[in-house]
Amino acid sequence: MSSSKLELAASETPLAASYFHHTPYYCEENVYFLLRKLIDDGQANSDGSDLFAVFISNDKKQVPLWHQKASRRADGIVLWDYHVICVQKRKDGNSSHLVFDLDSSLPFPSPLAYYISETVRASFPLFSEFERCFRIVHAPLFLRFFASDRRHMKDDSGNWMAEPPSYNVITAEDGTAHNLNDYMSISSATVKNLEADTLAAVHTEKLGVVVRSDQLEEFFSQVS
């Protein structure tokens, strides 16, 4: 993709990455508030129906992603235990679906196809234990049901492994205090075929559906 096309896609939203709240190593909370801000600022549908939170992980909790700011390598590769991004589906056939990744060094936001090519590198040969799976959660459900009290960021002695955000923890609408593990526990055994019931389930299942990297573009091209 040419640089001019990238600039065009990125300019479809006037919001830079710096406009959104970002706390390193708290990507799930960063995406939670990014979704809310896109909705509140009119950059998405008022009900968030065009937005999705996407958790990336696998059975071994070892997922290689390229062009990550936390990397010390020239190619930006990081081996995360899990990562979370936002995807905005565009209904206009002339517009690319967009990826918002606050930890990426790629243009913000990036066209989905470009992000998959550069960050996921689905065609790059990997050992099976490094294959990535994607839990796709519809934003209206994610914003209602997601909760995190940040217990996963404390060591065995109760010390923070990374400084937490200054705002209060996120509690689900039903009062649940912590269910992050349910979202980031992703197994290849739960990958779904892209059939009509799978596409429909993302709108009703609070934990969404799980697909492979080579299904990601097709999923967003078909889901309503």
Protein backbone atom coordinates (compact mmCIF):
# COMPACT_ATOMS: atom_id res chain seq x y z
CA MET A 1 0.00 0.00 0.00
CA SER A 2 1.36 3.41 -0.93
CA SER A 3 2.12 6.03 1.71
CA SER A 4 -0.55 8.32 0.22
CA LYS A 5 -3.23 5.67 0.74
CA LEU A 6 -2.05 5.15 4.31
CA GLU A 7 -2.24 8.87 4.99
CA LEU A 8 -5.74 9.01 3.52
CA ALA A 9 -6.98 6.14 5.65
CA ALA A 10 -5.41 7.53 8.79
CA SER A 11 -6.83 11.00 8.14
CA GLU A 12 -10.41 9.69 8.17
CA THR A 13 -10.32 10.38 11.90
CA PRO A 14 -8.77 13.64 13.20
CA LEU A 15 -7.77 12.02 16.50
CA ALA A 16 -4.09 11.24 17.05
CA ALA A 17 -2.90 8.47 19.37
CA SER A 18 -1.86 11.13 21.89
CA TYR A 19 -5.53 12.17 22.19
CA PHE A 20 -6.35 8.88 23.94
CA HIS A 21 -5.44 7.76 27.43
CA HIS A 22 -2.56 5.28 27.44
CA THR A 23 -0.98 3.45 30.36
CA PRO A 24 1.79 1.02 29.33
CA TYR A 25 0.93 -2.66 29.94
CA TYR A 26 -2.75 -1.94 30.57
CA CYS A 27 -3.88 -2.36 26.97
CA GLU A 28 -7.33 -3.73 27.88
CA GLU A 29 -8.15 -0.60 29.89
CA ASN A 30 -6.66 1.64 27.21
CA VAL A 31 -8.96 0.09 24.63
CA TYR A 32 -11.98 0.30 26.96
CA PHE A 33 -11.57 4.09 27.22
CA LEU A 34 -10.60 4.45 23.56
CA LEU A 35 -13.94 2.86 22.61
CA ARG A 36 -15.80 5.24 24.88
CA LYS A 37 -13.96 8.26 23.50
CA LEU A 38 -14.61 7.32 19.87
CA ILE A 39 -18.31 7.06 20.71
CA ASP A 40 -18.49 10.21 22.84
CA ASP A 41 -16.63 12.29 20.24
CA GLY A 42 -18.82 11.15 17.34
CA GLN A 43 -16.01 9.23 15.64
CA ALA A 44 -18.12 6.05 15.87
CA ASN A 45 -21.79 5.13 15.95
CA SER A 46 -23.56 6.45 19.04
CA ASP A 47 -24.17 2.89 20.25
CA GLY A 48 -20.66 1.70 19.38
CA SER A 49 -22.07 -0.85 16.94
CA ASP A 50 -19.23 -0.30 14.47
CA LEU A 51 -16.53 -0.94 17.08
CA PHE A 52 -14.90 -4.14 18.35
CA ALA A 53 -12.38 -4.92 21.08
CA VAL A 54 -9.97 -7.60 19.83
CA PHE A 55 -7.89 -9.67 22.27
CA ILE A 56 -4.85 -11.39 20.78
CA SER A 57 -3.33 -14.41 22.52
CA ASN A 58 -2.92 -18.20 22.28
CA ASP A 59 -2.65 -21.36 24.36
CA LYS A 60 0.94 -20.64 25.41
CA LYS A 61 0.42 -16.92 26.08
CA GLN A 62 3.21 -16.14 23.61
CA VAL A 63 2.14 -13.94 20.71
CA PRO A 64 4.70 -12.21 18.48
CA LEU A 65 3.60 -8.83 17.12
CA TRP A 66 5.71 -6.43 15.08
CA HIS A 67 6.02 -2.62 15.17
CA GLN A 68 5.35 -2.36 18.90
CA LYS A 69 6.67 0.70 20.76
CA ALA A 70 7.81 -1.43 23.70
CA SER A 71 10.30 -3.31 21.51
CA ARG A 72 14.03 -2.68 21.59
CA ARG A 73 14.52 -4.24 18.15
CA ALA A 74 14.58 -2.48 14.81
CA ASP A 75 11.62 -4.50 13.54
CA GLY A 76 9.59 -3.66 16.64
CA ILE A 77 8.78 -7.26 17.51
CA VAL A 78 7.46 -8.04 21.00
CA LEU A 79 6.39 -11.38 22.44
CA TRP A 80 3.27 -10.43 24.41
CA ASP A 81 1.29 -12.76 26.66
CA TYR A 82 -1.76 -11.01 25.24
CA HIS A 83 -2.59 -7.74 23.52
CA VAL A 84 -5.77 -5.75 22.89
CA ILE A 85 -6.65 -3.50 19.97
CA CYS A 86 -9.77 -1.80 18.63
CA VAL A 87 -11.17 -2.40 15.15
CA GLN A 88 -13.69 -0.05 13.59
CA LYS A 89 -15.74 -1.59 10.80
CA ARG A 90 -16.49 0.76 7.91
CA LYS A 91 -19.71 0.17 5.97
CA ASP A 92 -18.60 2.33 3.06
CA GLY A 93 -17.10 -0.03 0.50
CA ASN A 94 -14.51 2.61 -0.40
CA SER A 95 -13.19 2.88 3.17
CA SER A 96 -10.86 0.46 4.91
CA HIS A 97 -11.71 -0.99 8.30
CA LEU A 98 -9.43 0.67 10.84
CA VAL A 99 -7.20 -0.64 13.63
CA PHE A 100 -6.49 1.49 16.69
CA ASP A 101 -3.42 0.14 18.48
CA LEU A 102 -2.03 2.57 21.03
CA ASP A 103 1.11 0.46 21.41
CA SER A 104 1.95 0.39 17.71
CA SER A 105 4.46 2.52 15.83
CA LEU A 106 2.42 2.23 12.62
CA PRO A 107 0.21 5.10 11.40
CA PHE A 108 -2.71 5.71 13.76
CA PRO A 109 -5.21 4.38 12.97
CA SER A 110 -4.03 1.86 10.38
CA PRO A 111 -6.07 0.12 7.68
CA LEU A 112 -6.87 -3.40 8.80
CA ALA A 113 -5.19 -5.11 5.85
CA TYR A 114 -2.01 -3.09 6.40
CA TYR A 115 -1.99 -3.80 10.14
CA ILE A 116 -2.37 -7.54 9.53
CA SER A 117 0.43 -7.45 6.97
CA GLU A 118 2.86 -5.44 9.10
CA THR A 119 2.01 -6.30 12.71
CA VAL A 120 0.40 -9.74 12.61
CA ARG A 121 2.29 -10.96 9.54
CA ALA A 122 -0.16 -13.83 9.11
CA SER A 123 1.88 -15.26 6.22
CA PHE A 124 5.12 -15.30 8.25
CA PRO A 125 6.10 -18.91 9.11
CA LEU A 126 5.81 -19.54 12.85
CA PHE A 127 6.06 -22.56 15.11
CA SER A 128 2.57 -23.70 16.13
CA GLU A 129 2.95 -22.45 19.70
CA PHE A 130 3.28 -18.88 18.41
CA GLU A 131 0.19 -18.87 16.20
CA ARG A 132 -2.11 -16.01 17.15
CA CYS A 133 -5.82 -16.28 17.91
CA PHE A 134 -8.19 -13.31 18.07
CA ARG A 135 -11.13 -12.93 20.45
CA ILE A 136 -13.44 -10.42 18.80
CA VAL A 137 -15.87 -8.73 21.20
CA HIS A 138 -18.56 -6.30 20.08
CA ALA A 139 -18.03 -2.94 21.79
CA PRO A 140 -21.58 -2.55 23.17
CA LEU A 141 -21.15 -5.86 25.02
CA PHE A 142 -17.54 -5.19 26.04
CA LEU A 143 -18.40 -1.82 27.56
CA ARG A 144 -21.21 -3.38 29.59
CA PHE A 145 -19.55 -6.55 30.84
CA PHE A 146 -15.77 -6.04 31.01
CA ALA A 147 -14.23 -5.63 34.47
CA SER A 148 -10.70 -5.48 35.85
CA ASP A 149 -9.44 -4.86 39.38
CA ARG A 150 -5.86 -5.19 38.04
CA ARG A 151 -4.98 -8.24 40.15
CA HIS A 152 -3.11 -9.68 37.15
CA MET A 153 -0.57 -6.87 37.42
CA LYS A 154 0.58 -7.75 40.96
CA ASP A 155 3.34 -10.20 41.79
CA ASP A 156 3.15 -12.89 44.48
CA SER A 157 4.08 -10.32 47.12
CA GLY A 158 1.33 -7.94 46.07
CA ASN A 159 3.63 -5.43 44.38
CA TRP A 160 2.75 -3.78 41.11
CA MET A 161 4.63 -5.17 38.10
CA ALA A 162 3.82 -1.94 36.24
CA GLU A 163 2.47 1.32 37.60
CA PRO A 164 -1.35 1.26 37.33
CA PRO A 165 -3.54 4.04 35.94
CA SER A 166 -4.58 6.78 38.36
CA TYR A 167 -8.32 6.42 37.68
CA ASN A 168 -10.59 3.92 39.42
CA VAL A 169 -10.75 0.29 38.35
CA ILE A 170 -13.35 -0.74 35.76
CA THR A 171 -16.42 -2.52 37.16
CA ALA A 172 -18.96 -4.25 34.95
CA GLU A 173 -22.54 -3.09 34.69
CA ASP A 174 -23.68 -6.16 36.66
CA GLY A 175 -21.22 -5.45 39.48
CA THR A 176 -18.54 -7.96 38.44
CA ALA A 177 -15.15 -6.79 39.75
CA HIS A 178 -12.78 -8.83 37.57
CA ASN A 179 -13.22 -11.01 34.51
CA LEU A 180 -10.18 -10.09 32.40
CA ASN A 181 -8.97 -13.69 32.53
CA ASP A 182 -12.11 -14.80 30.69
CA TYR A 183 -11.26 -12.47 27.80
CA MET A 184 -7.55 -13.17 27.55
CA SER A 185 -7.87 -16.96 27.95
CA ILE A 186 -7.80 -17.82 24.27
CA SER A 187 -7.34 -21.33 22.91
CA SER A 188 -7.01 -22.57 19.36
CA ALA A 189 -9.62 -25.18 20.31
CA THR A 190 -12.26 -22.43 20.47
CA VAL A 191 -11.60 -21.05 16.96
CA LYS A 192 -14.80 -20.87 14.94
CA ASN A 193 -15.46 -21.35 11.25
CA LEU A 194 -16.77 -18.20 9.60
CA GLU A 195 -20.35 -19.33 9.26
CA ALA A 196 -23.55 -17.34 9.73
CA ASP A 197 -24.00 -18.41 13.35
CA THR A 198 -20.44 -17.33 14.21
CA LEU A 199 -20.96 -13.90 12.67
CA ALA A 200 -24.25 -13.55 14.54
CA ALA A 201 -22.78 -14.73 17.85
CA VAL A 202 -20.39 -11.78 18.10
CA HIS A 203 -23.44 -9.56 18.67
CA THR A 204 -24.86 -11.70 21.48
CA GLU A 205 -21.97 -13.44 23.27
CA LYS A 206 -20.34 -11.21 25.89
CA LEU A 207 -16.98 -12.94 25.31
CA GLY A 208 -17.36 -12.68 21.54
CA VAL A 209 -15.92 -15.24 19.13
CA VAL A 210 -12.41 -16.53 18.46
CA VAL A 211 -10.85 -16.66 14.97
CA ARG A 212 -7.40 -17.29 13.46
CA SER A 213 -5.19 -14.62 11.95
CA ASP A 214 -5.98 -15.80 8.42
CA GLN A 215 -9.71 -15.32 9.13
CA LEU A 216 -9.50 -11.80 10.50
CA GLU A 217 -10.01 -9.79 7.32
CA GLU A 218 -12.76 -12.07 6.12
CA PHE A 219 -14.56 -11.79 9.45
CA PHE A 220 -14.75 -8.01 9.28
CA SER A 221 -15.74 -8.07 5.62
CA GLN A 222 -18.72 -10.31 6.43
CA VAL A 223 -19.92 -9.27 9.90
CA SER A 224 -22.81 -6.80 10.00
